[in-house]
PDB file of N, CA and C in Angstrom:
ATOM      1  N   MET A   1      93.358 120.885 115.644  1.00  0.00           N
ATOM      2  CA  MET A   1      93.478 119.450 115.420  1.00  0.00           C
ATOM      3  C   MET A   1      93.191 119.150 113.955  1.00  0.00           C
ATOM      4  N   ARG A   2      94.007 118.328 113.368  1.00  0.00           N
ATOM      5  CA  ARG A   2      93.877 117.987 111.952  1.00  0.00           C
ATOM      6  C   ARG A   2      92.755 116.990 111.743  1.00  0.00           C
ATOM      7  N   GLU A   3      91.935 117.234 110.725  1.00  0.00           N
ATOM      8  CA  GLU A   3      90.810 116.352 110.421  1.00  0.00           C
ATOM      9  C   GLU A   3      91.308 115.110 109.698  1.00  0.00           C
ATOM     10  N   ARG A   4      90.788 113.940 110.110  1.00  0.00           N
ATOM     11  CA  ARG A   4      91.169 112.681 109.460  1.00  0.00           C
ATOM     12  C   ARG A   4      90.438 112.551 108.139  1.00  0.00           C
ATOM     13  N   PRO A   5      91.133 112.147 107.086  1.00  0.00           N
ATOM     14  CA  PRO A   5      90.463 111.965 105.791  1.00  0.00           C
ATOM     15  C   PRO A   5      89.539 110.751 105.835  1.00  0.00           C
ATOM     16  N   SER A   6      88.501 110.806 105.020  1.00  0.00           N
ATOM     17  CA  SER A   6      87.591 109.671 104.940  1.00  0.00           C
ATOM     18  C   SER A   6      88.301 108.490 104.304  1.00  0.00           C
ATOM     19  N   ARG A   7      87.724 107.290 104.461  1.00  0.00           N
ATOM     20  CA  ARG A   7      88.338 106.094 103.893  1.00  0.00           C
ATOM     21  C   ARG A   7      88.426 106.209 102.375  1.00  0.00           C
ATOM     22  N   ALA A   8      87.373 106.706 101.744  1.00  0.00           N
ATOM     23  CA  ALA A   8      87.386 106.843 100.287  1.00  0.00           C
ATOM     24  C   ALA A   8      88.508 107.788  99.856  1.00  0.00           C
ATOM     25  N   HIS A   9      88.716 108.848 100.620  1.00  0.00           N
ATOM     26  CA  HIS A   9      89.773 109.796 100.294  1.00  0.00           C
ATOM     27  C   HIS A   9      91.139 109.141 100.415  1.00  0.00           C
ATOM     28  N   ARG A  10      91.349 108.314 101.446  1.00  0.00           N
ATOM     29  CA  ARG A  10      92.629 107.623 101.619  1.00  0.00           C
ATOM     30  C   ARG A  10      92.880 106.659 100.470  1.00  0.00           C
ATOM     31  N   GLU A  11      91.839 105.950 100.015  1.00  0.00           N
ATOM     32  CA  GLU A  11      92.007 104.991  98.924  1.00  0.00           C
ATOM     33  C   GLU A  11      92.395 105.695  97.635  1.00  0.00           C
ATOM     34  N   GLU A  12      91.823 106.858  97.387  1.00  0.00           N
ATOM     35  CA  GLU A  12      92.191 107.611  96.201  1.00  0.00           C
ATOM     36  C   GLU A  12      93.638 108.074  96.290  1.00  0.00           C
ATOM     37  N   ASP A  13      94.115 108.296  97.515  1.00  0.00           N
ATOM     38  CA  ASP A  13      95.475 108.783  97.708  1.00  0.00           C
ATOM     39  C   ASP A  13      96.526 107.787  97.246  1.00  0.00           C
ATOM     40  N   ALA A  14      96.219 106.501  97.214  1.00  0.00           N
ATOM     41  CA  ALA A  14      97.235 105.520  96.854  1.00  0.00           C
ATOM     42  C   ALA A  14      97.856 105.846  95.515  1.00  0.00           C
ATOM     43  N   VAL A  15      97.055 106.011  94.490  1.00  0.00           N
ATOM     44  CA  VAL A  15      97.595 106.323  93.168  1.00  0.00           C
ATOM     45  C   VAL A  15      97.612 107.830  92.941  1.00  0.00           C
ATOM     46  N   ALA A  16      96.535 108.516  93.311  1.00  0.00           N
ATOM     47  CA  ALA A  16      96.463 109.957  93.058  1.00  0.00           C
ATOM     48  C   ALA A  16      97.508 110.723  93.859  1.00  0.00           C
ATOM     49  N   GLY A  17      97.723 110.332  95.108  1.00  0.00           N
ATOM     50  CA  GLY A  17      98.726 111.011  95.927  1.00  0.00           C
ATOM     51  C   GLY A  17     100.119 110.841  95.371  1.00  0.00           C
ATOM     52  N   VAL A  18     100.409 109.666  94.895  1.00  0.00           N
ATOM     53  CA  VAL A  18     101.726 109.398  94.301  1.00  0.00           C
ATOM     54  C   VAL A  18     101.840 110.136  92.973  1.00  0.00           C
ATOM     55  N   ALA A  19     100.757 110.188  92.204  1.00  0.00           N
ATOM     56  CA  ALA A  19     100.775 110.914  90.930  1.00  0.00           C
ATOM     57  C   ALA A  19     101.008 112.403  91.178  1.00  0.00           C
ATOM     58  N   TYR A  20     100.351 112.932  92.202  1.00  0.00           N
ATOM     59  CA  TYR A  20     100.511 114.349  92.529  1.00  0.00           C
ATOM     60  C   TYR A  20     101.959 114.655  92.903  1.00  0.00           C
ATOM     61  N   ALA A  21     102.635 113.698  93.526  1.00  0.00           N
ATOM     62  CA  ALA A  21     104.031 113.882  93.912  1.00  0.00           C
ATOM     63  C   ALA A  21     104.967 113.720  92.715  1.00  0.00           C
ATOM     64  N   GLY A  22     104.435 113.374  91.558  1.00  0.00           N
ATOM     65  CA  GLY A  22     105.248 113.262  90.351  1.00  0.00           C
ATOM     66  C   GLY A  22     106.047 111.975  90.258  1.00  0.00           C
ATOM     67  N   ARG A  23     105.602 110.942  90.921  1.00  0.00           N
ATOM     68  CA  ARG A  23     106.328 109.663  90.906  1.00  0.00           C
ATOM     69  C   ARG A  23     105.660 108.738  89.889  1.00  0.00           C
ATOM     70  N   THR A  24     105.904 109.016  88.626  1.00  0.00           N
ATOM     71  CA  THR A  24     105.246 108.339  87.518  1.00  0.00           C
ATOM     72  C   THR A  24     105.474 106.831  87.520  1.00  0.00           C
ATOM     73  N   ALA A  25     106.668 106.393  87.844  1.00  0.00           N
ATOM     74  CA  ALA A  25     106.953 104.956  87.852  1.00  0.00           C
ATOM     75  C   ALA A  25     106.087 104.242  88.883  1.00  0.00           C
ATOM     76  N   LEU A  26     105.900 104.849  90.060  1.00  0.00           N
ATOM     77  CA  LEU A  26     105.048 104.228  91.077  1.00  0.00           C
ATOM     78  C   LEU A  26     103.588 104.222  90.650  1.00  0.00           C
ATOM     79  N   VAL A  27     103.162 105.279  89.983  1.00  0.00           N
ATOM     80  CA  VAL A  27     101.781 105.315  89.481  1.00  0.00           C
ATOM     81  C   VAL A  27     101.575 104.177  88.492  1.00  0.00           C
ATOM     82  N   THR A  28     102.516 104.016  87.581  1.00  0.00           N
ATOM     83  CA  THR A  28     102.426 102.946  86.588  1.00  0.00           C
ATOM     84  C   THR A  28     102.378 101.581  87.263  1.00  0.00           C
ATOM     85  N   CYS A  29     103.262 101.371  88.233  1.00  0.00           N
ATOM     86  CA  CYS A  29     103.285 100.091  88.948  1.00  0.00           C
ATOM     87  C   CYS A  29     101.995  99.874  89.740  1.00  0.00           C
ATOM     88  N   GLY A  30     101.452 100.934  90.326  1.00  0.00           N
ATOM     89  CA  GLY A  30     100.188 100.825  91.053  1.00  0.00           C
ATOM     90  C   GLY A  30      99.042 100.434  90.142  1.00  0.00           C
ATOM     91  N   VAL A  31      98.998 101.040  88.973  1.00  0.00           N
ATOM     92  CA  VAL A  31      97.958 100.691  87.995  1.00  0.00           C
ATOM     93  C   VAL A  31      98.135  99.253  87.525  1.00  0.00           C
ATOM     94  N   LEU A  32      99.374  98.856  87.254  1.00  0.00           N
ATOM     95  CA  LEU A  32      99.632  97.474  86.823  1.00  0.00           C
ATOM     96  C   LEU A  32      99.245  96.470  87.909  1.00  0.00           C
ATOM     97  N   LEU A  33      99.518  96.801  89.166  1.00  0.00           N
ATOM     98  CA  LEU A  33      99.115  95.919  90.257  1.00  0.00           C
ATOM     99  C   LEU A  33      97.592  95.808  90.323  1.00  0.00           C
ATOM    100  N   GLY A  34      96.911  96.915  90.133  1.00  0.00           N
ATOM    101  CA  GLY A  34      95.449  96.891  90.114  1.00  0.00           C
ATOM    102  C   GLY A  34      94.903  96.032  88.989  1.00  0.00           C
ATOM    103  N   ILE A  35      95.524  96.129  87.827  1.00  0.00           N
ATOM    104  CA  ILE A  35      95.112  95.302  86.679  1.00  0.00           C
ATOM    105  C   ILE A  35      95.369  93.829  86.963  1.00  0.00           C
ATOM    106  N   LEU A  36      96.530  93.513  87.534  1.00  0.00           N
ATOM    107  CA  LEU A  36      96.846  92.128  87.879  1.00  0.00           C
ATOM    108  C   LEU A  36      95.853  91.579  88.905  1.00  0.00           C
ATOM    109  N   TYR A  37      95.532  92.390  89.909  1.00  0.00           N
ATOM    110  CA  TYR A  37      94.578  91.960  90.936  1.00  0.00           C
ATOM    111  C   TYR A  37      93.206  91.703  90.304  1.00  0.00           C
ATOM    112  N   ALA A  38      92.740  92.649  89.493  1.00  0.00           N
ATOM    113  CA  ALA A  38      91.437  92.498  88.839  1.00  0.00           C
ATOM    114  C   ALA A  38      91.423  91.303  87.888  1.00  0.00           C
ATOM    115  N   ALA A  39      92.502  91.090  87.172  1.00  0.00           N
ATOM    116  CA  ALA A  39      92.577  89.950  86.249  1.00  0.00           C
ATOM    117  C   ALA A  39      92.451  88.629  87.003  1.00  0.00           C
ATOM    118  N   GLY A  40      93.081  88.547  88.166  1.00  0.00           N
ATOM    119  CA  GLY A  40      92.967  87.328  88.974  1.00  0.00           C
ATOM    120  C   GLY A  40      91.545  87.071  89.419  1.00  0.00           C
ATOM    121  N   ILE A  41      90.841  88.128  89.795  1.00  0.00           N
ATOM    122  CA  ILE A  41      89.448  87.981  90.223  1.00  0.00           C
ATOM    123  C   ILE A  41      88.572  87.550  89.043  1.00  0.00           C
ATOM    124  N   VAL A  42      88.793  88.155  87.888  1.00  0.00           N
ATOM    125  CA  VAL A  42      88.005  87.801  86.699  1.00  0.00           C
ATOM    126  C   VAL A  42      88.264  86.351  86.306  1.00  0.00           C
ATOM    127  N   VAL A  43      89.530  85.959  86.277  1.00  0.00           N
ATOM    128  CA  VAL A  43      89.861  84.581  85.903  1.00  0.00           C
ATOM    129  C   VAL A  43      89.243  83.608  86.903  1.00  0.00           C
ATOM    130  N   GLU A  44      89.322  83.919  88.178  1.00  0.00           N
ATOM    131  CA  GLU A  44      88.736  83.057  89.211  1.00  0.00           C
ATOM    132  C   GLU A  44      87.229  82.887  89.000  1.00  0.00           C
ATOM    133  N   GLY A  45      86.563  83.969  88.634  1.00  0.00           N
ATOM    134  CA  GLY A  45      85.123  83.912  88.427  1.00  0.00           C
ATOM    135  C   GLY A  45      84.708  83.284  87.115  1.00  0.00           C
ATOM    136  N   ARG A  46      85.523  83.443  86.094  1.00  0.00           N
ATOM    137  CA  ARG A  46      85.163  82.974  84.756  1.00  0.00           C
ATOM    138  C   ARG A  46      85.604  81.548  84.458  1.00  0.00           C
ATOM    139  N   LEU A  47      86.602  81.066  85.166  1.00  0.00           N
ATOM    140  CA  LEU A  47      87.128  79.743  84.861  1.00  0.00           C
ATOM    141  C   LEU A  47      86.990  78.754  86.025  1.00  0.00           C
ATOM    142  N   PRO A  48      85.851  78.719  86.680  1.00  0.00           N
ATOM    143  CA  PRO A  48      85.734  77.770  87.788  1.00  0.00           C
ATOM    144  C   PRO A  48      85.720  76.316  87.309  1.00  0.00           C
ATOM    145  N   HIS A  49      85.402  76.111  86.022  1.00  0.00           N
ATOM    146  CA  HIS A  49      85.333  74.748  85.490  1.00  0.00           C
ATOM    147  C   HIS A  49      86.716  74.108  85.360  1.00  0.00           C
ATOM    148  N   VAL A  50      87.784  74.934  85.347  1.00  0.00           N
ATOM    149  CA  VAL A  50      89.129  74.373  85.254  1.00  0.00           C
ATOM    150  C   VAL A  50      89.399  73.529  86.488  1.00  0.00           C
ATOM    151  N   GLY A  51      89.178  74.109  87.656  1.00  0.00           N
ATOM    152  CA  GLY A  51      89.281  73.389  88.924  1.00  0.00           C
ATOM    153  C   GLY A  51      90.568  72.603  89.101  1.00  0.00           C
ATOM    154  N   GLY A  52      90.581  71.806  90.125  1.00  0.00           N
ATOM    155  CA  GLY A  52      91.695  70.910  90.384  1.00  0.00           C
ATOM    156  C   GLY A  52      92.985  71.616  90.745  1.00  0.00           C
ATOM    157  N   PRO A  53      94.066  70.844  90.721  1.00  0.00           N
ATOM    158  CA  PRO A  53      95.359  71.378  91.135  1.00  0.00           C
ATOM    159  C   PRO A  53      95.874  72.513  90.248  1.00  0.00           C
ATOM    160  N   THR A  54      95.575  72.468  88.960  1.00  0.00           N
ATOM    161  CA  THR A  54      96.048  73.527  88.060  1.00  0.00           C
ATOM    162  C   THR A  54      95.459  74.871  88.452  1.00  0.00           C
ATOM    163  N   HIS A  55      94.169  74.902  88.673  1.00  0.00           N
ATOM    164  CA  HIS A  55      93.486  76.124  89.063  1.00  0.00           C
ATOM    165  C   HIS A  55      94.037  76.635  90.389  1.00  0.00           C
ATOM    166  N   LEU A  56      94.261  75.738  91.324  1.00  0.00           N
ATOM    167  CA  LEU A  56      94.778  76.105  92.643  1.00  0.00           C
ATOM    168  C   LEU A  56      96.184  76.682  92.545  1.00  0.00           C
ATOM    169  N   TRP A  57      97.048  76.047  91.769  1.00  0.00           N
ATOM    170  CA  TRP A  57      98.419  76.539  91.626  1.00  0.00           C
ATOM    171  C   TRP A  57      98.472  77.870  90.882  1.00  0.00           C
ATOM    172  N   LEU A  58      97.620  78.053  89.876  1.00  0.00           N
ATOM    173  CA  LEU A  58      97.565  79.345  89.187  1.00  0.00           C
ATOM    174  C   LEU A  58      97.137  80.450  90.142  1.00  0.00           C
ATOM    175  N   GLY A  59      96.176  80.152  90.984  1.00  0.00           N
ATOM    176  CA  GLY A  59      95.735  81.118  91.990  1.00  0.00           C
ATOM    177  C   GLY A  59      96.833  81.467  92.974  1.00  0.00           C
ATOM    178  N   ARG A  60      97.595  80.486  93.382  1.00  0.00           N
ATOM    179  CA  ARG A  60      98.683  80.741  94.334  1.00  0.00           C
ATOM    180  C   ARG A  60      99.840  81.500  93.688  1.00  0.00           C
ATOM    181  N   ILE A  61     100.104  81.234  92.423  1.00  0.00           N
ATOM    182  CA  ILE A  61     101.128  82.003  91.704  1.00  0.00           C
ATOM    183  C   ILE A  61     100.678  83.461  91.581  1.00  0.00           C
ATOM    184  N   TRP A  62      99.408  83.652  91.252  1.00  0.00           N
ATOM    185  CA  TRP A  62      98.843  84.999  91.182  1.00  0.00           C
ATOM    186  C   TRP A  62      98.966  85.698  92.529  1.00  0.00           C
ATOM    187  N   LEU A  63      98.647  84.987  93.611  1.00  0.00           N
ATOM    188  CA  LEU A  63      98.727  85.564  94.949  1.00  0.00           C
ATOM    189  C   LEU A  63     100.162  85.975  95.286  1.00  0.00           C
ATOM    190  N   ALA A  64     101.124  85.143  94.934  1.00  0.00           N
ATOM    191  CA  ALA A  64     102.531  85.486  95.169  1.00  0.00           C
ATOM    192  C   ALA A  64     102.929  86.730  94.370  1.00  0.00           C
ATOM    193  N   ALA A  65     102.492  86.804  93.115  1.00  0.00           N
ATOM    194  CA  ALA A  65     102.829  87.954  92.270  1.00  0.00           C
ATOM    195  C   ALA A  65     102.212  89.240  92.818  1.00  0.00           C
ATOM    196  N   VAL A  66     100.961  89.167  93.227  1.00  0.00           N
ATOM    197  CA  VAL A  66     100.288  90.348  93.780  1.00  0.00           C
ATOM    198  C   VAL A  66     100.952  90.758  95.100  1.00  0.00           C
ATOM    199  N   THR A  67     101.315  89.792  95.926  1.00  0.00           N
ATOM    200  CA  THR A  67     101.964  90.098  97.201  1.00  0.00           C
ATOM    201  C   THR A  67     103.323  90.762  96.972  1.00  0.00           C
ATOM    202  N   LEU A  68     104.103  90.246  96.040  1.00  0.00           N
ATOM    203  CA  LEU A  68     105.397  90.862  95.738  1.00  0.00           C
ATOM    204  C   LEU A  68     105.221  92.273  95.177  1.00  0.00           C
ATOM    205  N   GLY A  69     104.221  92.453  94.326  1.00  0.00           N
ATOM    206  CA  GLY A  69     103.940  93.787  93.798  1.00  0.00           C
ATOM    207  C   GLY A  69     103.543  94.750  94.901  1.00  0.00           C
ATOM    208  N   TRP A  70     102.689  94.281  95.817  1.00  0.00           N
ATOM    209  CA  TRP A  70     102.293  95.118  96.954  1.00  0.00           C
ATOM    210  C   TRP A  70     103.513  95.491  97.795  1.00  0.00           C
ATOM    211  N   ALA A  71     104.361  94.513  98.089  1.00  0.00           N
ATOM    212  CA  ALA A  71     105.533  94.775  98.932  1.00  0.00           C
ATOM    213  C   ALA A  71     106.438  95.828  98.288  1.00  0.00           C
ATOM    214  N   ALA A  72     106.653  95.722  96.990  1.00  0.00           N
ATOM    215  CA  ALA A  72     107.496  96.699  96.299  1.00  0.00           C
ATOM    216  C   ALA A  72     106.886  98.096  96.375  1.00  0.00           C
ATOM    217  N   LEU A  73     105.588  98.195  96.206  1.00  0.00           N
ATOM    218  CA  LEU A  73     104.933  99.499  96.274  1.00  0.00           C
ATOM    219  C   LEU A  73     104.904 100.036  97.703  1.00  0.00           C
ATOM    220  N   ALA A  74     104.636  99.172  98.683  1.00  0.00           N
ATOM    221  CA  ALA A  74     104.552  99.604 100.080  1.00  0.00           C
ATOM    222  C   ALA A  74     105.900 100.102 100.589  1.00  0.00           C
ATOM    223  N   VAL A  75     106.978  99.520 100.110  1.00  0.00           N
ATOM    224  CA  VAL A  75     108.313  99.968 100.521  1.00  0.00           C
ATOM    225  C   VAL A  75     108.621 101.339  99.922  1.00  0.00           C
ATOM    226  N   ASN A  76     108.095 101.610  98.754  1.00  0.00           N
ATOM    227  CA  ASN A  76     108.413 102.853  98.055  1.00  0.00           C
ATOM    228  C   ASN A  76     107.481 104.017  98.363  1.00  0.00           C
ATOM    229  N   SER A  77     106.294 103.750  98.874  1.00  0.00           N
ATOM    230  CA  SER A  77     105.361 104.834  99.155  1.00  0.00           C
ATOM    231  C   SER A  77     104.358 104.415 100.232  1.00  0.00           C
ATOM    232  N   PRO A  78     104.181 105.239 101.263  1.00  0.00           N
ATOM    233  CA  PRO A  78     103.251 104.874 102.334  1.00  0.00           C
ATOM    234  C   PRO A  78     101.793 104.818 101.874  1.00  0.00           C
ATOM    235  N   GLN A  79     101.467 105.470 100.769  1.00  0.00           N
ATOM    236  CA  GLN A  79     100.087 105.434 100.277  1.00  0.00           C
ATOM    237  C   GLN A  79      99.642 104.041  99.869  1.00  0.00           C
ATOM    238  N   PHE A  80     100.580 103.154  99.589  1.00  0.00           N
ATOM    239  CA  PHE A  80     100.225 101.816  99.130  1.00  0.00           C
ATOM    240  C   PHE A  80     100.141 100.786 100.261  1.00  0.00           C
ATOM    241  N   VAL A  81     100.493 101.164 101.471  1.00  0.00           N
ATOM    242  CA  VAL A  81     100.489 100.212 102.580  1.00  0.00           C
ATOM    243  C   VAL A  81      99.084  99.645 102.813  1.00  0.00           C
ATOM    244  N   TRP A  82      98.055 100.483 102.703  1.00  0.00           N
ATOM    245  CA  TRP A  82      96.682 100.036 102.973  1.00  0.00           C
ATOM    246  C   TRP A  82      96.220  98.926 102.023  1.00  0.00           C
ATOM    247  N   LEU A  83      96.893  98.753 100.890  1.00  0.00           N
ATOM    248  CA  LEU A  83      96.483  97.721  99.940  1.00  0.00           C
ATOM    249  C   LEU A  83      96.669  96.304 100.470  1.00  0.00           C
ATOM    250  N   ALA A  84      97.277  96.172 101.630  1.00  0.00           N
ATOM    251  CA  ALA A  84      97.396  94.846 102.253  1.00  0.00           C
ATOM    252  C   ALA A  84      96.014  94.296 102.608  1.00  0.00           C
ATOM    253  N   PHE A  85      95.066  95.171 102.896  1.00  0.00           N
ATOM    254  CA  PHE A  85      93.753  94.719 103.350  1.00  0.00           C
ATOM    255  C   PHE A  85      93.048  93.770 102.375  1.00  0.00           C
ATOM    256  N   PRO A  86      92.932  94.100 101.083  1.00  0.00           N
ATOM    257  CA  PRO A  86      92.288  93.139 100.179  1.00  0.00           C
ATOM    258  C   PRO A  86      93.080  91.843 100.023  1.00  0.00           C
ATOM    259  N   LEU A  87      94.393  91.918 100.243  1.00  0.00           N
ATOM    260  CA  LEU A  87      95.194  90.698 100.158  1.00  0.00           C
ATOM    261  C   LEU A  87      94.839  89.715 101.269  1.00  0.00           C
ATOM    262  N   PHE A  88      94.417  90.219 102.416  1.00  0.00           N
ATOM    263  CA  PHE A  88      94.015  89.323 103.506  1.00  0.00           C
ATOM    264  C   PHE A  88      92.930  88.359 103.020  1.00  0.00           C
ATOM    265  N   PHE A  89      91.957  88.899 102.314  1.00  0.00           N
ATOM    266  CA  PHE A  89      90.849  88.068 101.839  1.00  0.00           C
ATOM    267  C   PHE A  89      91.309  87.092 100.759  1.00  0.00           C
ATOM    268  N   ALA A  90      92.227  87.525  99.927  1.00  0.00           N
ATOM    269  CA  ALA A  90      92.764  86.622  98.909  1.00  0.00           C
ATOM    270  C   ALA A  90      93.518  85.470  99.562  1.00  0.00           C
ATOM    271  N   TYR A  91      94.294  85.769 100.607  1.00  0.00           N
ATOM    272  CA  TYR A  91      94.999  84.713 101.333  1.00  0.00           C
ATOM    273  C   TYR A  91      93.999  83.707 101.897  1.00  0.00           C
ATOM    274  N   LEU A  92      92.941  84.217 102.528  1.00  0.00           N
ATOM    275  CA  LEU A  92      91.953  83.331 103.147  1.00  0.00           C
ATOM    276  C   LEU A  92      91.181  82.515 102.116  1.00  0.00           C
ATOM    277  N   HIS A  93      91.044  83.040 100.915  1.00  0.00           N
ATOM    278  CA  HIS A  93      90.310  82.345  99.866  1.00  0.00           C
ATOM    279  C   HIS A  93      91.162  81.284  99.167  1.00  0.00           C
ATOM    280  N   LEU A  94      92.429  81.583  98.952  1.00  0.00           N
ATOM    281  CA  LEU A  94      93.266  80.720  98.114  1.00  0.00           C
ATOM    282  C   LEU A  94      94.144  79.730  98.875  1.00  0.00           C
ATOM    283  N   LEU A  95      94.369  79.972 100.140  1.00  0.00           N
ATOM    284  CA  LEU A  95      95.261  79.105 100.911  1.00  0.00           C
ATOM    285  C   LEU A  95      94.472  78.306 101.944  1.00  0.00           C
ATOM    286  N   PRO A  96      94.978  77.143 102.316  1.00  0.00           N
ATOM    287  CA  PRO A  96      94.345  76.429 103.423  1.00  0.00           C
ATOM    288  C   PRO A  96      94.459  77.290 104.684  1.00  0.00           C
ATOM    289  N   LEU A  97      93.510  77.173 105.577  1.00  0.00           N
ATOM    290  CA  LEU A  97      93.466  78.019 106.767  1.00  0.00           C
ATOM    291  C   LEU A  97      94.769  77.965 107.563  1.00  0.00           C
ATOM    292  N   ALA A  98      95.389  76.792 107.633  1.00  0.00           N
ATOM    293  CA  ALA A  98      96.643  76.648 108.377  1.00  0.00           C
ATOM    294  C   ALA A  98      97.774  77.473 107.762  1.00  0.00           C
ATOM    295  N   ALA A  99      97.701  77.779 106.482  1.00  0.00           N
ATOM    296  CA  ALA A  99      98.696  78.628 105.828  1.00  0.00           C
ATOM    297  C   ALA A  99      98.210  80.072 105.723  1.00  0.00           C
ATOM    298  N   ALA A 100      96.901  80.257 105.563  1.00  0.00           N
ATOM    299  CA  ALA A 100      96.349  81.601 105.381  1.00  0.00           C
ATOM    300  C   ALA A 100      96.506  82.463 106.627  1.00  0.00           C
ATOM    301  N   LEU A 101      96.230  81.908 107.796  1.00  0.00           N
ATOM    302  CA  LEU A 101      96.309  82.714 109.019  1.00  0.00           C
ATOM    303  C   LEU A 101      97.726  83.206 109.296  1.00  0.00           C
ATOM    304  N   PRO A 102      98.749  82.349 109.230  1.00  0.00           N
ATOM    305  CA  PRO A 102     100.108  82.888 109.385  1.00  0.00           C
ATOM    306  C   PRO A 102     100.470  83.882 108.274  1.00  0.00           C
ATOM    307  N   GLY A 103      99.959  83.646 107.075  1.00  0.00           N
ATOM    308  CA  GLY A 103     100.201  84.577 105.975  1.00  0.00           C
ATOM    309  C   GLY A 103      99.616  85.948 106.262  1.00  0.00           C
ATOM    310  N   VAL A 104      98.404  85.975 106.795  1.00  0.00           N
ATOM    311  CA  VAL A 104      97.762  87.244 107.147  1.00  0.00           C
ATOM    312  C   VAL A 104      98.540  87.931 108.268  1.00  0.00           C
ATOM    313  N   VAL A 105      99.004  87.158 109.243  1.00  0.00           N
ATOM    314  CA  VAL A 105      99.796  87.735 110.335  1.00  0.00           C
ATOM    315  C   VAL A 105     101.097  88.335 109.789  1.00  0.00           C
ATOM    316  N   LEU A 106     101.782  87.615 108.906  1.00  0.00           N
ATOM    317  CA  LEU A 106     103.022  88.135 108.309  1.00  0.00           C
ATOM    318  C   LEU A 106     102.762  89.374 107.458  1.00  0.00           C
ATOM    319  N   LEU A 107     101.681  89.351 106.692  1.00  0.00           N
ATOM    320  CA  LEU A 107     101.333  90.497 105.866  1.00  0.00           C
ATOM    321  C   LEU A 107     100.998  91.710 106.735  1.00  0.00           C
ATOM    322  N   THR A 108     100.295  91.474 107.840  1.00  0.00           N
ATOM    323  CA  THR A 108      99.988  92.558 108.772  1.00  0.00           C
ATOM    324  C   THR A 108     101.276  93.136 109.350  1.00  0.00           C
ATOM    325  N   GLY A 109     102.181  92.249 109.761  1.00  0.00           N
ATOM    326  CA  GLY A 109     103.467  92.713 110.278  1.00  0.00           C
ATOM    327  C   GLY A 109     104.247  93.514 109.251  1.00  0.00           C
ATOM    328  N   ALA A 110     104.217  93.051 108.002  1.00  0.00           N
ATOM    329  CA  ALA A 110     104.920  93.770 106.930  1.00  0.00           C
ATOM    330  C   ALA A 110     104.291  95.147 106.699  1.00  0.00           C
ATOM    331  N   ALA A 111     102.967  95.230 106.756  1.00  0.00           N
ATOM    332  CA  ALA A 111     102.292  96.518 106.573  1.00  0.00           C
ATOM    333  C   ALA A 111     102.631  97.478 107.715  1.00  0.00           C
ATOM    334  N   ILE A 112     102.645  96.972 108.934  1.00  0.00           N
ATOM    335  CA  ILE A 112     102.999  97.804 110.092  1.00  0.00           C
ATOM    336  C   ILE A 112     104.450  98.263 109.972  1.00  0.00           C
ATOM    337  N   ALA A 113     105.339  97.348 109.591  1.00  0.00           N
ATOM    338  CA  ALA A 113     106.753  97.696 109.435  1.00  0.00           C
ATOM    339  C   ALA A 113     106.946  98.747 108.342  1.00  0.00           C
ATOM    340  N   ALA A 114     106.244  98.589 107.224  1.00  0.00           N
ATOM    341  CA  ALA A 114     106.365  99.558 106.132  1.00  0.00           C
ATOM    342  C   ALA A 114     105.848 100.924 106.565  1.00  0.00           C
ATOM    343  N   ALA A 115     104.715 100.947 107.258  1.00  0.00           N
ATOM    344  CA  ALA A 115     104.169 102.216 107.739  1.00  0.00           C
ATOM    345  C   ALA A 115     105.132 102.860 108.737  1.00  0.00           C
ATOM    346  N   GLY A 116     105.693 102.056 109.624  1.00  0.00           N
ATOM    347  CA  GLY A 116     106.645 102.580 110.595  1.00  0.00           C
ATOM    348  C   GLY A 116     107.918 103.083 109.942  1.00  0.00           C
ATOM    349  N   TRP A 117     108.372 102.368 108.924  1.00  0.00           N
ATOM    350  CA  TRP A 117     109.582 102.775 108.222  1.00  0.00           C
ATOM    351  C   TRP A 117     109.382 104.127 107.534  1.00  0.00           C
ATOM    352  N   HIS A 118     108.218 104.299 106.912  1.00  0.00           N
ATOM    353  CA  HIS A 118     107.938 105.570 106.237  1.00  0.00           C
ATOM    354  C   HIS A 118     107.766 106.708 107.231  1.00  0.00           C
ATOM    355  N   ALA A 119     107.257 106.382 108.422  1.00  0.00           N
ATOM    356  CA  ALA A 119     107.041 107.405 109.449  1.00  0.00           C
ATOM    357  C   ALA A 119     108.286 107.622 110.298  1.00  0.00           C
ATOM    358  N   ALA A 120     109.377 106.943 109.976  1.00  0.00           N
ATOM    359  CA  ALA A 120     110.644 107.027 110.725  1.00  0.00           C
ATOM    360  C   ALA A 120     110.487 106.526 112.149  1.00  0.00           C
ATOM    361  N   GLY A 121     109.669 105.502 112.322  1.00  0.00           N
ATOM    362  CA  GLY A 121     109.545 104.873 113.636  1.00  0.00           C
ATOM    363  C   GLY A 121     108.101 104.675 114.032  1.00  0.00           C
ATOM    364  N   LEU A 122     107.897 103.781 114.977  1.00  0.00           N
ATOM    365  CA  LEU A 122     106.562 103.507 115.491  1.00  0.00           C
ATOM    366  C   LEU A 122     106.478 104.006 116.930  1.00  0.00           C
ATOM    367  N   THR A 123     105.326 104.525 117.290  1.00  0.00           N
ATOM    368  CA  THR A 123     105.099 104.985 118.644  1.00  0.00           C
ATOM    369  C   THR A 123     103.647 104.769 119.017  1.00  0.00           C
ATOM    370  N   LEU A 124     103.378 104.654 120.305  1.00  0.00           N
ATOM    371  CA  LEU A 124     102.005 104.502 120.777  1.00  0.00           C
ATOM    372  C   LEU A 124     101.391 105.867 121.079  1.00  0.00           C
ATOM    373  N   ARG A 125     102.201 106.908 121.072  1.00  0.00           N
ATOM    374  CA  ARG A 125     101.695 108.253 121.338  1.00  0.00           C
ATOM    375  C   ARG A 125     100.956 108.787 120.127  1.00  0.00           C
ATOM    376  N   ARG A 126     100.040 109.701 120.396  1.00  0.00           N
ATOM    377  CA  ARG A 126      99.308 110.346 119.296  1.00  0.00           C
ATOM    378  C   ARG A 126     100.097 111.413 118.750  1.00  0.00           C
TER     379      ARG A 126
END
């Protein structure tokens, strides 16, 4: 029976696994997505005084950009599918609950679909 990798090992696989496979463009895009995600968190923490509709719309534009970046990476490599998890929290933080919950459901469906597509199908069997 094959041993399951630890969570930390799986997270390293997102960029390192793709780098090992020699897919330099995906590695670059993964790093850029990480920088974009981190920049959004820093801006959110450093500029709370901006507030109001401008701050809210900038956050939502950032969320859309990060989501599109995730989708592009998840379609191209199964190692990036797990990155949907931190997006769930961003959705819940930046969107009203009535929009965040359907967004999380859609993102979950997209992650399952991407994983199934890479695995050439979904099954309930082990």
